[in-house]
Amino acid sequence: MEDIIEQEVRAVLASSPPSLHNRIILVGKLIDALESDAGWVELYGITGELIVPITHDEEDEIGELLEKVKKVRVI
């Protein structure tokens, strides 16, 4: 699962200035979101699409990047 998250984060960060710090934060937040609600597991098992559960909104660069990552579809 971490490979999929890394792929999504890399795809989003490819269009942003590179930042190891942002990548680490985004991966951590995505893992936290996935651990908070297991509802995505069944859909992922059937379709291969990863729907990240909604988490609290952040209003900074990380929040914007996190929203972009959540919109990436993995099939």
N, C-alpha and C. Protein backbone atom coordinates (compact mmCIF):
# COMPACT_ATOMS: atom_id res chain seq x y z
N MET A 1 0.82 -1.18 0.00
CA MET A 1 0.00 0.00 0.00
C MET A 1 0.87 1.25 0.00
N GLU A 2 1.98 1.21 0.71
CA GLU A 2 2.84 2.39 0.75
C GLU A 2 3.37 2.75 -0.63
N ASP A 3 3.59 1.74 -1.49
CA ASP A 3 4.05 2.02 -2.85
C ASP A 3 3.02 2.85 -3.62
N ILE A 4 1.75 2.52 -3.43
CA ILE A 4 0.69 3.26 -4.11
C ILE A 4 0.65 4.70 -3.62
N ILE A 5 0.76 4.88 -2.33
CA ILE A 5 0.76 6.22 -1.77
C ILE A 5 1.95 7.01 -2.28
N GLU A 6 3.12 6.38 -2.30
CA GLU A 6 4.32 7.05 -2.82
C GLU A 6 4.11 7.46 -4.28
N GLN A 7 3.48 6.61 -5.09
CA GLN A 7 3.23 6.93 -6.50
C GLN A 7 2.33 8.15 -6.62
N GLU A 8 1.27 8.19 -5.81
CA GLU A 8 0.36 9.32 -5.87
C GLU A 8 1.06 10.61 -5.47
N VAL A 9 1.83 10.55 -4.40
CA VAL A 9 2.54 11.73 -3.92
C VAL A 9 3.55 12.20 -4.96
N ARG A 10 4.29 11.28 -5.55
CA ARG A 10 5.27 11.66 -6.58
C ARG A 10 4.58 12.32 -7.77
N ALA A 11 3.42 11.79 -8.17
CA ALA A 11 2.69 12.36 -9.31
C ALA A 11 2.29 13.80 -9.03
N VAL A 12 1.84 14.08 -7.84
CA VAL A 12 1.43 15.44 -7.49
C VAL A 12 2.64 16.34 -7.33
N LEU A 13 3.67 15.86 -6.68
CA LEU A 13 4.85 16.70 -6.44
C LEU A 13 5.65 16.94 -7.71
N ALA A 14 5.41 16.15 -8.75
CA ALA A 14 6.13 16.35 -10.01
C ALA A 14 5.82 17.73 -10.60
N SER A 15 4.65 18.26 -10.31
CA SER A 15 4.27 19.56 -10.83
C SER A 15 4.52 20.69 -9.82
N SER A 16 5.15 20.36 -8.71
CA SER A 16 5.45 21.34 -7.67
C SER A 16 6.96 21.40 -7.47
N PRO A 17 7.44 22.45 -6.83
CA PRO A 17 8.87 22.47 -6.51
C PRO A 17 9.22 21.27 -5.64
N PRO A 18 10.31 20.58 -5.95
CA PRO A 18 10.65 19.37 -5.20
C PRO A 18 10.93 19.68 -3.73
N SER A 19 10.42 18.83 -2.88
CA SER A 19 10.65 19.00 -1.45
C SER A 19 10.52 17.67 -0.75
N LEU A 20 11.61 17.17 -0.23
CA LEU A 20 11.60 15.91 0.52
C LEU A 20 10.71 16.06 1.75
N HIS A 21 10.78 17.22 2.37
CA HIS A 21 9.98 17.48 3.57
C HIS A 21 8.48 17.34 3.25
N ASN A 22 8.02 17.95 2.16
CA ASN A 22 6.61 17.85 1.77
C ASN A 22 6.22 16.42 1.46
N ARG A 23 7.10 15.68 0.79
CA ARG A 23 6.78 14.28 0.45
C ARG A 23 6.59 13.46 1.71
N ILE A 24 7.47 13.63 2.67
CA ILE A 24 7.38 12.87 3.92
C ILE A 24 6.09 13.22 4.66
N ILE A 25 5.75 14.49 4.72
CA ILE A 25 4.53 14.92 5.41
C ILE A 25 3.30 14.37 4.70
N LEU A 26 3.26 14.46 3.37
CA LEU A 26 2.10 13.98 2.61
C LEU A 26 1.90 12.48 2.78
N VAL A 27 2.97 11.72 2.69
CA VAL A 27 2.86 10.27 2.85
C VAL A 27 2.32 9.95 4.25
N GLY A 28 2.84 10.62 5.25
CA GLY A 28 2.38 10.39 6.63
C GLY A 28 0.90 10.72 6.80
N LYS A 29 0.46 11.84 6.24
CA LYS A 29 -0.94 12.24 6.36
C LYS A 29 -1.87 11.29 5.61
N LEU A 30 -1.42 10.82 4.46
CA LEU A 30 -2.24 9.85 3.71
C LEU A 30 -2.37 8.54 4.47
N ILE A 31 -1.29 8.08 5.03
CA ILE A 31 -1.34 6.84 5.81
C ILE A 31 -2.25 7.02 7.02
N ASP A 32 -2.15 8.16 7.70
CA ASP A 32 -3.04 8.44 8.84
C ASP A 32 -4.50 8.41 8.40
N ALA A 33 -4.80 9.03 7.26
CA ALA A 33 -6.18 9.07 6.76
C ALA A 33 -6.68 7.67 6.44
N LEU A 34 -5.86 6.86 5.81
CA LEU A 34 -6.27 5.50 5.46
C LEU A 34 -6.45 4.64 6.70
N GLU A 35 -5.64 4.87 7.71
CA GLU A 35 -5.76 4.11 8.96
C GLU A 35 -6.98 4.54 9.76
N SER A 36 -7.47 5.75 9.54
CA SER A 36 -8.59 6.27 10.33
C SER A 36 -9.94 5.70 9.90
N ASP A 37 -10.04 5.17 8.69
CA ASP A 37 -11.32 4.67 8.18
C ASP A 37 -11.04 3.58 7.15
N ALA A 38 -11.44 2.38 7.45
CA ALA A 38 -11.15 1.24 6.57
C ALA A 38 -12.17 1.08 5.45
N GLY A 39 -13.07 2.04 5.29
CA GLY A 39 -14.11 1.95 4.25
C GLY A 39 -13.56 1.86 2.84
N TRP A 40 -12.36 2.32 2.60
CA TRP A 40 -11.77 2.32 1.27
C TRP A 40 -11.29 0.93 0.84
N VAL A 41 -11.10 0.04 1.80
CA VAL A 41 -10.46 -1.25 1.52
C VAL A 41 -11.27 -2.10 0.55
N GLU A 42 -12.56 -2.21 0.78
CA GLU A 42 -13.40 -3.06 -0.08
C GLU A 42 -13.42 -2.54 -1.52
N LEU A 43 -13.62 -1.24 -1.69
CA LEU A 43 -13.63 -0.66 -3.04
C LEU A 43 -12.28 -0.87 -3.72
N TYR A 44 -11.21 -0.67 -2.98
CA TYR A 44 -9.88 -0.87 -3.56
C TYR A 44 -9.70 -2.33 -3.99
N GLY A 45 -10.18 -3.26 -3.17
CA GLY A 45 -10.06 -4.68 -3.51
C GLY A 45 -10.83 -5.05 -4.77
N ILE A 46 -11.95 -4.38 -5.01
CA ILE A 46 -12.79 -4.68 -6.17
C ILE A 46 -12.32 -3.94 -7.42
N THR A 47 -12.06 -2.65 -7.27
CA THR A 47 -11.79 -1.81 -8.45
C THR A 47 -10.33 -1.41 -8.62
N GLY A 48 -9.57 -1.48 -7.54
CA GLY A 48 -8.19 -1.01 -7.59
C GLY A 48 -8.09 0.50 -7.44
N GLU A 49 -9.21 1.16 -7.17
CA GLU A 49 -9.23 2.61 -7.00
C GLU A 49 -9.07 2.94 -5.52
N LEU A 50 -8.15 3.83 -5.23
CA LEU A 50 -7.89 4.22 -3.86
C LEU A 50 -8.61 5.53 -3.57
N ILE A 51 -9.62 5.47 -2.70
CA ILE A 51 -10.35 6.65 -2.28
C ILE A 51 -9.91 6.96 -0.86
N VAL A 52 -9.19 8.07 -0.71
CA VAL A 52 -8.67 8.45 0.61
C VAL A 52 -9.79 9.08 1.42
N PRO A 53 -10.00 8.60 2.65
CA PRO A 53 -11.04 9.19 3.50
C PRO A 53 -10.80 10.68 3.73
N ILE A 54 -11.88 11.40 3.93
CA ILE A 54 -11.79 12.84 4.19
C ILE A 54 -11.20 13.05 5.58
N THR A 55 -10.25 13.94 5.67
CA THR A 55 -9.65 14.29 6.95
C THR A 55 -9.84 15.78 7.18
N HIS A 56 -9.36 16.27 8.30
CA HIS A 56 -9.49 17.71 8.56
C HIS A 56 -8.72 18.50 7.51
N ASP A 57 -9.26 19.64 7.19
CA ASP A 57 -8.65 20.48 6.16
C ASP A 57 -7.50 21.30 6.71
N GLU A 58 -6.46 21.38 5.95
CA GLU A 58 -5.34 22.25 6.28
C GLU A 58 -5.32 23.35 5.23
N GLU A 59 -5.03 24.54 5.64
CA GLU A 59 -5.12 25.67 4.74
C GLU A 59 -3.74 26.21 4.35
N ASP A 60 -2.80 25.32 4.14
CA ASP A 60 -1.47 25.76 3.74
C ASP A 60 -1.06 24.96 2.50
N GLU A 61 0.19 25.04 2.14
CA GLU A 61 0.68 24.34 0.96
C GLU A 61 0.47 22.83 1.09
N ILE A 62 0.69 22.29 2.27
CA ILE A 62 0.50 20.85 2.49
C ILE A 62 -0.96 20.48 2.26
N GLY A 63 -1.89 21.30 2.74
CA GLY A 63 -3.31 21.04 2.54
C GLY A 63 -3.68 21.01 1.07
N GLU A 64 -3.14 21.95 0.31
CA GLU A 64 -3.40 21.98 -1.13
C GLU A 64 -2.84 20.74 -1.82
N LEU A 65 -1.62 20.39 -1.47
CA LEU A 65 -1.00 19.20 -2.07
C LEU A 65 -1.75 17.94 -1.68
N LEU A 66 -2.20 17.87 -0.44
CA LEU A 66 -2.95 16.71 0.03
C LEU A 66 -4.24 16.55 -0.76
N GLU A 67 -4.93 17.64 -1.03
CA GLU A 67 -6.15 17.57 -1.84
C GLU A 67 -5.85 17.09 -3.26
N LYS A 68 -4.74 17.54 -3.83
CA LYS A 68 -4.35 17.08 -5.18
C LYS A 68 -4.06 15.59 -5.16
N VAL A 69 -3.38 15.12 -4.13
CA VAL A 69 -3.05 13.70 -4.04
C VAL A 69 -4.33 12.89 -3.92
N LYS A 70 -5.29 13.35 -3.14
CA LYS A 70 -6.55 12.63 -2.97
C LYS A 70 -7.33 12.49 -4.28
N LYS A 71 -7.09 13.41 -5.22
CA LYS A 71 -7.82 13.38 -6.48
C LYS A 71 -7.17 12.47 -7.53
N VAL A 72 -5.96 12.03 -7.27
CA VAL A 72 -5.28 11.13 -8.20
C VAL A 72 -5.94 9.78 -8.12
N ARG A 73 -6.27 9.22 -9.25
CA ARG A 73 -6.92 7.90 -9.27
C ARG A 73 -5.89 6.84 -9.59
N VAL A 74 -5.88 5.81 -8.79
CA VAL A 74 -4.96 4.70 -9.01
C VAL A 74 -5.77 3.50 -9.44
N ILE A 75 -5.54 3.04 -10.67
CA ILE A 75 -6.27 1.86 -11.16
C ILE A 75 -5.26 0.83 -11.63
